[in-house]
Each structure stands twice: as structure tokens, then as C-alpha cells.
Amino acid sequence: MNKLFKIIIIAKFLLLVFVTNSYSASKTGQPSVYKVIMKKVELCTASTSVTSCEGAVVIGTGNKTVDIAAVGEGAVAAAYGDPALLPLGETYTHMRVTIDRKMTIKADITVPGVTAPCRTTTALSDSAYPDGLSGTEKYDTTPVVADDGTAAEADIYMKNDQMETCENAACSSTSDPNTVEYDQGIGSSTHQSTHAEGDTSDDHMMVYTLASPYTVALISPTVDISFGTENAIKAAEVGTDLCSFEPQEPIVTITIK
């Protein structure tokens, strides 16, 4: 039986990084822009790890950019999904989501100890990497920006296990490697990808446990994915007048009804 799934993304976000570093001050905040590239959504009958999606059925595929932070609470940000053949009576307990590791973010956050508010700017994007975006630099290095700019959209990448932070805007020197931890079962996600040093994959997968199991019936369901982005980006002090940015895990609830 063909089922048309409408995956409704309701305010406001989709990502998750936890970075251990040595900087003296940092603060989380809510971005005004958070564009995520969704690649695939699957339903699972069970899951024990990010690579485990038992009875996987793809219900959405293809790159789609979604600015989840641009809509108000409860507003629909995007619809994502294709017809899927599901066996009548089958019960699904998990959803696996694949996204791109590149986020486009706009944020303005006041961090104690930094001269002016930390603002994302275009200086954080391609030109911030001395060797461009080739190889693994975008996943191994975190650029910094002066705290005197005007907030603008910037491309920020989810990092590999060992991440160096630029110590100046030109990134002519970097910090010792900091550990990037993608915690399992600590935030809203039950499992998620980890990225070893040197990883070149552009994909990040997350497994979420459904709010309640869904059993396929005759009535076509709607998949509601709701997010909270109040603390979805972290700005950190680098020196006294430079800032770095890292995405954080939001609150995610998935309901099929």
C-alpha cells in the first residue's frame, strides 16, 4: 500500500555538536538563521546504533535546504517526503535522519570576556580556511572572526574528532587539537555519527526514538518533527576580541499521527 508521508518540520532546528576546549568563556544562544541540508529520512522497526536501522524504509530523499530558525514557534518550515511502501501492521520505533555537515548560520551572541558581541560574518566562510575547502581542513579546523563585524550568514561545519581552532583571523597559527564529542543518548538523539580524525564524509546521521511507536494503518499518517533552538549555537572567546562558533544539539521530538 502506498503511503504519502508529509514530514512537517516545525520550529526550529536540527543539529548537534559538543566540543571540549580550553577557552575561558563561551555562551550558547539562539541563531536567527539556521539552514540545514536534509538528505534522507528513514523509519526503523528497531535501532541499536547509528548504523542500525532495522527494517529500514526511506520516506524522504534528496537534498533540501531548510531554514528552521526563520519561522515562528509552531509554523511549518518545510515539507519533505515521498510516497513509501509500508507493510500494513508493521510497527516503527525509530527515525534515522541524514544531513549535510555544513550549516549556514547567522547569530549574534554576547559572550562574557569578549570586547563586543560575537557575530557570525562572511569572514567565517570559505576564505577563513587558508587552504580553501579542499581535503579535510573544513572538518579539522575552526576559523575565528573579530567581534566588531555585522552579523551575516556563515557556513559552519561539523568537525572531526580532533579539531584545531585558529588563533587569529588569518589562521596563521592554531591551537592544540581539541576533542569533539558527539554524545550518544545525551541529547534528543538516541544515536548519532562520530567523525574520526581525517574523515572526509559530508554526511551526519542521527537516530531518534519516536515519541511513541507507530503501527502502519489504512490512514496515511503525518510525521511531525518539532525542534527547539534556544541554545542551538555556541560562541566562544578566543583571546579578547575573537570568536569561534559551534552548533549545539537542539530539543527534537518526532511524532507520527
C-alpha atoms as a PDB file:
ATOM      1  CA  MET A   1       0.000   0.000   0.000  1.00  0.00           C
ATOM      2  CA  ASN A   2       1.414   3.382  -0.982  1.00  0.00           C
ATOM      3  CA  LYS A   3       1.590   5.898   1.828  1.00  0.00           C
ATOM      4  CA  LEU A   4       2.361   9.553   1.189  1.00  0.00           C
ATOM      5  CA  PHE A   5       4.328  10.883   4.122  1.00  0.00           C
ATOM      6  CA  LYS A   6       4.435  14.601   4.745  1.00  0.00           C
ATOM      7  CA  ILE A   7       7.351  15.245   7.021  1.00  0.00           C
ATOM      8  CA  ILE A   8       6.500  18.565   8.579  1.00  0.00           C
ATOM      9  CA  ILE A   9       9.405  20.395  10.166  1.00  0.00           C
ATOM     10  CA  ILE A  10       8.055  22.651  12.893  1.00  0.00           C
ATOM     11  CA  ALA A  11      10.136  25.388  14.506  1.00  0.00           C
ATOM     12  CA  LYS A  12      13.045  25.289  14.826  1.00  0.00           C
ATOM     13  CA  PHE A  13      16.294  23.317  14.302  1.00  0.00           C
ATOM     14  CA  LEU A  14      18.341  20.207  13.624  1.00  0.00           C
ATOM     15  CA  LEU A  15      21.910  19.702  14.840  1.00  0.00           C
ATOM     16  CA  LEU A  16      24.352  18.710  17.483  1.00  0.00           C
ATOM     17  CA  VAL A  17      27.977  19.087  18.442  1.00  0.00           C
ATOM     18  CA  PHE A  18      29.683  19.060  21.811  1.00  0.00           C
ATOM     19  CA  VAL A  19      33.236  20.434  21.845  1.00  0.00           C
ATOM     20  CA  THR A  20      35.664  20.297  24.741  1.00  0.00           C
ATOM     21  CA  ASN A  21      38.055  23.256  24.554  1.00  0.00           C
ATOM     22  CA  SER A  22      40.233  25.399  26.752  1.00  0.00           C
ATOM     23  CA  TYR A  23      38.804  28.843  26.076  1.00  0.00           C
ATOM     24  CA  SER A  24      37.904  30.870  29.117  1.00  0.00           C
ATOM     25  CA  ALA A  25      34.398  31.984  28.142  1.00  0.00           C
ATOM     26  CA  SER A  26      31.558  30.752  25.986  1.00  0.00           C
ATOM     27  CA  LYS A  27      27.810  31.115  25.744  1.00  0.00           C
ATOM     28  CA  THR A  28      25.002  29.396  23.878  1.00  0.00           C
ATOM     29  CA  GLY A  29      22.228  31.302  22.152  1.00  0.00           C
ATOM     30  CA  GLN A  30      19.519  31.191  19.512  1.00  0.00           C
ATOM     31  CA  PRO A  31      20.505  31.773  15.853  1.00  0.00           C
ATOM     32  CA  SER A  32      18.336  33.947  13.611  1.00  0.00           C
ATOM     33  CA  VAL A  33      19.257  31.777  10.600  1.00  0.00           C
ATOM     34  CA  TYR A  34      19.994  28.053  10.707  1.00  0.00           C
ATOM     35  CA  LYS A  35      19.982  26.369   7.309  1.00  0.00           C
ATOM     36  CA  VAL A  36      20.276  22.596   7.311  1.00  0.00           C
ATOM     37  CA  ILE A  37      20.609  20.407   4.215  1.00  0.00           C
ATOM     38  CA  MET A  38      18.422  17.343   4.692  1.00  0.00           C
ATOM     39  CA  LYS A  39      19.451  14.311   2.623  1.00  0.00           C
ATOM     40  CA  LYS A  40      17.455  11.299   3.773  1.00  0.00           C
ATOM     41  CA  VAL A  41      14.819  10.254   6.317  1.00  0.00           C
ATOM     42  CA  GLU A  42      14.167   6.603   7.190  1.00  0.00           C
ATOM     43  CA  LEU A  43      11.818   4.779   9.530  1.00  0.00           C
ATOM     44  CA  CYS A  44      13.191   1.829  11.522  1.00  0.00           C
ATOM     45  CA  THR A  45      11.496  -1.027  13.362  1.00  0.00           C
ATOM     46  CA  ALA A  46      14.398  -1.027  15.845  1.00  0.00           C
ATOM     47  CA  SER A  47      17.832   0.577  16.303  1.00  0.00           C
ATOM     48  CA  THR A  48      20.849  -0.176  18.471  1.00  0.00           C
ATOM     49  CA  SER A  49      23.376   2.228  16.892  1.00  0.00           C
ATOM     50  CA  VAL A  50      23.625   4.913  14.220  1.00  0.00           C
ATOM     51  CA  THR A  51      24.391   2.223  11.628  1.00  0.00           C
ATOM     52  CA  SER A  52      21.450   0.099  12.800  1.00  0.00           C
ATOM     53  CA  CYS A  53      18.050   0.832  11.261  1.00  0.00           C
ATOM     54  CA  GLU A  54      16.181  -2.472  11.252  1.00  0.00           C
ATOM     55  CA  GLY A  55      13.504  -2.847   8.574  1.00  0.00           C
ATOM     56  CA  ALA A  56      14.601   0.490   7.088  1.00  0.00           C
ATOM     57  CA  VAL A  57      12.153   2.247   4.783  1.00  0.00           C
ATOM     58  CA  VAL A  58      13.187   5.509   3.104  1.00  0.00           C
ATOM     59  CA  ILE A  59      10.342   8.042   3.389  1.00  0.00           C
ATOM     60  CA  GLY A  60      12.262  11.117   2.193  1.00  0.00           C
ATOM     61  CA  THR A  61      15.324  11.541  -0.006  1.00  0.00           C
ATOM     62  CA  GLY A  62      17.157  14.245  -1.981  1.00  0.00           C
ATOM     63  CA  ASN A  63      18.951  17.384  -0.830  1.00  0.00           C
ATOM     64  CA  LYS A  64      16.647  20.039   0.618  1.00  0.00           C
ATOM     65  CA  THR A  65      17.827  23.177   2.424  1.00  0.00           C
ATOM     66  CA  VAL A  66      15.638  24.153   5.360  1.00  0.00           C
ATOM     67  CA  ASP A  67      15.993  27.340   7.403  1.00  0.00           C
ATOM     68  CA  ILE A  68      14.335  26.123  10.570  1.00  0.00           C
ATOM     69  CA  ALA A  69      15.154  29.219  12.606  1.00  0.00           C
ATOM     70  CA  ALA A  70      13.333  31.520  10.165  1.00  0.00           C
ATOM     71  CA  VAL A  71       9.810  30.548  11.232  1.00  0.00           C
ATOM     72  CA  GLY A  72       7.850  31.222  14.384  1.00  0.00           C
ATOM     73  CA  GLU A  73       7.027  28.646  17.031  1.00  0.00           C
ATOM     74  CA  GLY A  74       4.691  26.047  15.564  1.00  0.00           C
ATOM     75  CA  ALA A  75       4.968  27.317  11.978  1.00  0.00           C
ATOM     76  CA  VAL A  76       5.780  24.885   9.195  1.00  0.00           C
ATOM     77  CA  ALA A  77       9.331  25.318   7.891  1.00  0.00           C
ATOM     78  CA  ALA A  78       9.241  22.699   5.132  1.00  0.00           C
ATOM     79  CA  ALA A  79       7.659  19.522   3.852  1.00  0.00           C
ATOM     80  CA  TYR A  80       9.972  16.663   2.974  1.00  0.00           C
ATOM     81  CA  GLY A  81       8.943  13.206   1.867  1.00  0.00           C
ATOM     82  CA  ASP A  82       7.948  10.861  -0.944  1.00  0.00           C
ATOM     83  CA  PRO A  83       5.434   8.024  -1.282  1.00  0.00           C
ATOM     84  CA  ALA A  84       6.664   4.944   0.600  1.00  0.00           C
ATOM     85  CA  LEU A  85       5.532   1.338   0.511  1.00  0.00           C
ATOM     86  CA  LEU A  86       4.993   0.218   4.093  1.00  0.00           C
ATOM     87  CA  PRO A  87       3.663  -3.154   5.189  1.00  0.00           C
ATOM     88  CA  LEU A  88       0.272  -2.898   6.836  1.00  0.00           C
ATOM     89  CA  GLY A  89       0.521  -3.646  10.552  1.00  0.00           C
ATOM     90  CA  GLU A  90       4.306  -3.069  10.800  1.00  0.00           C
ATOM     91  CA  THR A  91       5.409  -1.072  13.840  1.00  0.00           C
ATOM     92  CA  TYR A  92       8.168   1.561  13.667  1.00  0.00           C
ATOM     93  CA  THR A  93      10.012   2.821  16.729  1.00  0.00           C
ATOM     94  CA  HIS A  94      12.873   4.986  15.398  1.00  0.00           C
ATOM     95  CA  MET A  95      13.680   7.505  12.687  1.00  0.00           C
ATOM     96  CA  ARG A  96      17.127   7.922  11.110  1.00  0.00           C
ATOM     97  CA  VAL A  97      17.911  11.313   9.588  1.00  0.00           C
ATOM     98  CA  THR A  98      20.889  12.080   7.334  1.00  0.00           C
ATOM     99  CA  ILE A  99      22.003  15.701   6.982  1.00  0.00           C
ATOM    100  CA  ASP A 100      24.981  17.501   5.445  1.00  0.00           C
ATOM    101  CA  ARG A 101      27.774  18.513   7.823  1.00  0.00           C
ATOM    102  CA  LYS A 102      27.607  22.093   6.501  1.00  0.00           C
ATOM    103  CA  MET A 103      25.322  24.514   8.351  1.00  0.00           C
ATOM    104  CA  THR A 104      24.588  28.075   7.262  1.00  0.00           C
ATOM    105  CA  ILE A 105      24.129  30.122  10.428  1.00  0.00           C
ATOM    106  CA  LYS A 106      23.538  33.714  11.443  1.00  0.00           C
ATOM    107  CA  ALA A 107      23.953  34.542  15.124  1.00  0.00           C
ATOM    108  CA  ASP A 108      24.660  37.471  17.445  1.00  0.00           C
ATOM    109  CA  ILE A 109      25.660  36.418  20.970  1.00  0.00           C
ATOM    110  CA  THR A 110      27.136  38.374  23.857  1.00  0.00           C
ATOM    111  CA  VAL A 111      29.944  36.380  25.485  1.00  0.00           C
ATOM    112  CA  PRO A 112      31.428  37.432  28.845  1.00  0.00           C
ATOM    113  CA  GLY A 113      35.055  38.424  28.427  1.00  0.00           C
ATOM    114  CA  VAL A 114      34.776  39.338  24.748  1.00  0.00           C
ATOM    115  CA  THR A 115      35.037  43.038  23.913  1.00  0.00           C
ATOM    116  CA  ALA A 116      31.924  43.142  21.680  1.00  0.00           C
ATOM    117  CA  PRO A 117      29.144  40.662  20.804  1.00  0.00           C
ATOM    118  CA  CYS A 118      30.212  37.578  18.863  1.00  0.00           C
ATOM    119  CA  ARG A 119      28.601  37.753  15.418  1.00  0.00           C
ATOM    120  CA  THR A 120      28.833  35.320  12.548  1.00  0.00           C
ATOM    121  CA  THR A 121      30.107  37.036   9.381  1.00  0.00           C
ATOM    122  CA  THR A 122      31.065  36.030   5.852  1.00  0.00           C
ATOM    123  CA  ALA A 123      34.692  36.043   7.073  1.00  0.00           C
ATOM    124  CA  LEU A 124      33.933  32.658   8.688  1.00  0.00           C
ATOM    125  CA  SER A 125      33.176  31.025   5.348  1.00  0.00           C
ATOM    126  CA  ASP A 126      35.448  29.760   2.543  1.00  0.00           C
ATOM    127  CA  SER A 127      38.147  32.424   2.832  1.00  0.00           C
ATOM    128  CA  ALA A 128      38.606  31.599   6.527  1.00  0.00           C
ATOM    129  CA  TYR A 129      40.405  28.395   5.579  1.00  0.00           C
ATOM    130  CA  PRO A 130      43.939  29.146   4.302  1.00  0.00           C
ATOM    131  CA  ASP A 131      43.908  26.089   2.030  1.00  0.00           C
ATOM    132  CA  GLY A 132      40.305  26.547   0.948  1.00  0.00           C
ATOM    133  CA  LEU A 133      37.723  23.811   1.401  1.00  0.00           C
ATOM    134  CA  SER A 134      39.742  21.013  -0.165  1.00  0.00           C
ATOM    135  CA  GLY A 135      40.757  17.976   1.831  1.00  0.00           C
ATOM    136  CA  THR A 136      39.627  17.830   5.441  1.00  0.00           C
ATOM    137  CA  GLU A 137      40.510  21.357   6.597  1.00  0.00           C
ATOM    138  CA  LYS A 138      36.880  22.430   6.849  1.00  0.00           C
ATOM    139  CA  TYR A 139      36.300  19.460   9.178  1.00  0.00           C
ATOM    140  CA  ASP A 140      39.581  19.712  11.118  1.00  0.00           C
ATOM    141  CA  THR A 141      39.846  23.486  11.682  1.00  0.00           C
ATOM    142  CA  THR A 142      37.560  26.066  13.285  1.00  0.00           C
ATOM    143  CA  PRO A 143      38.030  29.634  11.996  1.00  0.00           C
ATOM    144  CA  VAL A 144      37.605  32.723  14.163  1.00  0.00           C
ATOM    145  CA  VAL A 145      36.247  36.177  13.452  1.00  0.00           C
ATOM    146  CA  ALA A 146      36.762  39.595  15.001  1.00  0.00           C
ATOM    147  CA  ASP A 147      33.971  40.685  17.324  1.00  0.00           C
ATOM    148  CA  ASP A 148      33.377  44.012  15.541  1.00  0.00           C
ATOM    149  CA  GLY A 149      31.521  42.819  12.429  1.00  0.00           C
ATOM    150  CA  THR A 150      27.902  42.966  11.333  1.00  0.00           C
ATOM    151  CA  ALA A 151      26.038  39.695  11.732  1.00  0.00           C
ATOM    152  CA  ALA A 152      25.684  37.779   8.464  1.00  0.00           C
ATOM    153  CA  GLU A 153      25.236  34.214   7.308  1.00  0.00           C
ATOM    154  CA  ALA A 154      28.302  31.971   7.569  1.00  0.00           C
ATOM    155  CA  ASP A 155      28.976  28.362   6.629  1.00  0.00           C
ATOM    156  CA  ILE A 156      29.939  26.338   9.713  1.00  0.00           C
ATOM    157  CA  TYR A 157      30.956  22.687   9.507  1.00  0.00           C
ATOM    158  CA  MET A 158      30.547  19.829  11.965  1.00  0.00           C
ATOM    159  CA  LYS A 159      34.080  18.871  12.950  1.00  0.00           C
ATOM    160  CA  ASN A 160      36.140  15.708  13.113  1.00  0.00           C
ATOM    161  CA  ASP A 161      37.257  14.124  16.376  1.00  0.00           C
ATOM    162  CA  GLN A 162      40.425  16.247  16.646  1.00  0.00           C
ATOM    163  CA  MET A 163      39.761  19.923  15.887  1.00  0.00           C
ATOM    164  CA  GLU A 164      42.216  22.805  15.864  1.00  0.00           C
ATOM    165  CA  THR A 165      40.982  26.372  16.406  1.00  0.00           C
ATOM    166  CA  CYS A 166      42.540  29.303  14.589  1.00  0.00           C
ATOM    167  CA  GLU A 167      44.321  31.729  16.915  1.00  0.00           C
ATOM    168  CA  ASN A 168      43.938  34.707  14.591  1.00  0.00           C
ATOM    169  CA  ALA A 169      41.647  35.743  11.751  1.00  0.00           C
ATOM    170  CA  ALA A 170      44.225  34.732   9.120  1.00  0.00           C
ATOM    171  CA  CYS A 171      44.591  31.303  10.791  1.00  0.00           C
ATOM    172  CA  SER A 172      48.371  31.517  10.519  1.00  0.00           C
ATOM    173  CA  SER A 173      48.562  29.582  13.804  1.00  0.00           C
ATOM    174  CA  THR A 174      46.195  27.158  15.505  1.00  0.00           C
ATOM    175  CA  SER A 175      45.550  25.751  18.957  1.00  0.00           C
ATOM    176  CA  ASP A 176      46.456  22.264  20.065  1.00  0.00           C
ATOM    177  CA  PRO A 177      43.756  19.795  18.969  1.00  0.00           C
ATOM    178  CA  ASN A 178      40.530  19.860  20.976  1.00  0.00           C
ATOM    179  CA  THR A 179      38.304  16.815  21.316  1.00  0.00           C
ATOM    180  CA  VAL A 180      34.924  16.924  19.574  1.00  0.00           C
ATOM    181  CA  GLU A 181      32.385  14.594  21.189  1.00  0.00           C
ATOM    182  CA  TYR A 182      29.147  13.521  19.540  1.00  0.00           C
ATOM    183  CA  ASP A 183      27.475  12.106  22.619  1.00  0.00           C
ATOM    184  CA  GLN A 184      25.153   9.119  22.328  1.00  0.00           C
ATOM    185  CA  GLY A 185      21.784   9.346  24.052  1.00  0.00           C
ATOM    186  CA  ILE A 186      22.630  12.538  25.950  1.00  0.00           C
ATOM    187  CA  GLY A 187      20.579  14.999  23.901  1.00  0.00           C
ATOM    188  CA  SER A 188      17.410  14.323  21.927  1.00  0.00           C
ATOM    189  CA  SER A 189      19.079  11.877  19.560  1.00  0.00           C
ATOM    190  CA  THR A 190      19.441   8.253  20.656  1.00  0.00           C
ATOM    191  CA  HIS A 191      22.456   7.597  18.402  1.00  0.00           C
ATOM    192  CA  GLN A 192      24.490   9.744  16.011  1.00  0.00           C
ATOM    193  CA  SER A 193      27.549   9.632  13.777  1.00  0.00           C
ATOM    194  CA  THR A 194      31.039  10.165  15.083  1.00  0.00           C
ATOM    195  CA  HIS A 195      33.732  11.572  12.798  1.00  0.00           C
ATOM    196  CA  ALA A 196      37.259  10.256  13.253  1.00  0.00           C
ATOM    197  CA  GLU A 197      40.320  12.378  12.543  1.00  0.00           C
ATOM    198  CA  GLY A 198      40.719  12.731   8.770  1.00  0.00           C
ATOM    199  CA  ASP A 199      37.083  11.811   7.991  1.00  0.00           C
ATOM    200  CA  THR A 200      36.041  13.279   4.614  1.00  0.00           C
ATOM    201  CA  SER A 201      32.365  12.231   4.638  1.00  0.00           C
ATOM    202  CA  ASP A 202      29.889  15.080   4.147  1.00  0.00           C
ATOM    203  CA  ASP A 203      27.093  13.157   5.894  1.00  0.00           C
ATOM    204  CA  HIS A 204      25.973  13.101   9.509  1.00  0.00           C
ATOM    205  CA  MET A 205      23.341  10.602  10.646  1.00  0.00           C
ATOM    206  CA  MET A 206      21.128  10.747  13.723  1.00  0.00           C
ATOM    207  CA  VAL A 207      18.715   8.172  15.100  1.00  0.00           C
ATOM    208  CA  TYR A 208      15.748   9.423  17.111  1.00  0.00           C
ATOM    209  CA  THR A 209      13.315   7.357  19.156  1.00  0.00           C
ATOM    210  CA  LEU A 210       9.727   8.187  18.180  1.00  0.00           C
ATOM    211  CA  ALA A 211       7.595   9.791  20.881  1.00  0.00           C
ATOM    212  CA  SER A 212       5.507   6.612  20.661  1.00  0.00           C
ATOM    213  CA  PRO A 213       5.709   3.573  18.332  1.00  0.00           C
ATOM    214  CA  TYR A 214       3.780   3.893  15.059  1.00  0.00           C
ATOM    215  CA  THR A 215       1.884   0.970  13.540  1.00  0.00           C
ATOM    216  CA  VAL A 216       1.024   1.257   9.845  1.00  0.00           C
ATOM    217  CA  ALA A 217      -2.720   1.575   9.305  1.00  0.00           C
ATOM    218  CA  LEU A 218      -5.028   2.366   6.396  1.00  0.00           C
ATOM    219  CA  ILE A 219      -4.990   6.115   7.090  1.00  0.00           C
ATOM    220  CA  SER A 220      -1.975   7.964   5.646  1.00  0.00           C
ATOM    221  CA  PRO A 221      -0.003   9.477   8.558  1.00  0.00           C
ATOM    222  CA  THR A 222       1.789  12.768   9.085  1.00  0.00           C
ATOM    223  CA  VAL A 223       5.266  12.860  10.593  1.00  0.00           C
ATOM    224  CA  ASP A 224       5.740  15.935  12.800  1.00  0.00           C
ATOM    225  CA  ILE A 225       9.311  16.863  13.754  1.00  0.00           C
ATOM    226  CA  SER A 226       9.440  19.684  16.281  1.00  0.00           C
ATOM    227  CA  PHE A 227      12.606  21.461  17.355  1.00  0.00           C
ATOM    228  CA  GLY A 228      13.767  23.967  19.969  1.00  0.00           C
ATOM    229  CA  THR A 229      16.705  26.237  19.109  1.00  0.00           C
ATOM    230  CA  GLU A 230      17.044  28.398  22.198  1.00  0.00           C
ATOM    231  CA  ASN A 231      20.614  27.141  22.704  1.00  0.00           C
ATOM    232  CA  ALA A 232      21.421  25.852  19.227  1.00  0.00           C
ATOM    233  CA  ILE A 233      24.710  27.711  18.682  1.00  0.00           C
ATOM    234  CA  LYS A 234      27.683  28.318  20.957  1.00  0.00           C
ATOM    235  CA  ALA A 235      30.047  31.270  20.676  1.00  0.00           C
ATOM    236  CA  ALA A 236      33.430  31.025  22.411  1.00  0.00           C
ATOM    237  CA  GLU A 237      36.089  33.571  23.341  1.00  0.00           C
ATOM    238  CA  VAL A 238      39.423  33.301  21.516  1.00  0.00           C
ATOM    239  CA  GLY A 239      41.735  35.889  23.041  1.00  0.00           C
ATOM    240  CA  THR A 240      39.749  39.007  23.982  1.00  0.00           C
ATOM    241  CA  ASP A 241      38.487  40.137  20.581  1.00  0.00           C
ATOM    242  CA  LEU A 242      37.964  36.978  18.513  1.00  0.00           C
ATOM    243  CA  CYS A 243      35.088  34.491  18.468  1.00  0.00           C
ATOM    244  CA  SER A 244      34.504  30.938  17.261  1.00  0.00           C
ATOM    245  CA  PHE A 245      31.158  29.221  16.710  1.00  0.00           C
ATOM    246  CA  GLU A 246      29.927  25.647  17.165  1.00  0.00           C
ATOM    247  CA  PRO A 247      26.455  24.135  16.557  1.00  0.00           C
ATOM    248  CA  GLN A 248      24.740  22.545  19.547  1.00  0.00           C
ATOM    249  CA  GLU A 249      22.083  19.860  19.927  1.00  0.00           C
ATOM    250  CA  PRO A 250      18.503  21.144  19.984  1.00  0.00           C
ATOM    251  CA  ILE A 251      15.439  19.629  21.548  1.00  0.00           C
ATOM    252  CA  VAL A 252      13.832  17.304  18.971  1.00  0.00           C
ATOM    253  CA  THR A 253      10.505  15.487  19.244  1.00  0.00           C
ATOM    254  CA  ILE A 254       9.151  13.231  16.482  1.00  0.00           C
ATOM    255  CA  THR A 255       5.501  12.194  16.421  1.00  0.00           C
ATOM    256  CA  ILE A 256       3.691  10.151  13.772  1.00  0.00           C
ATOM    257  CA  LYS A 257      -0.076  10.507  13.748  1.00  0.00           C
END
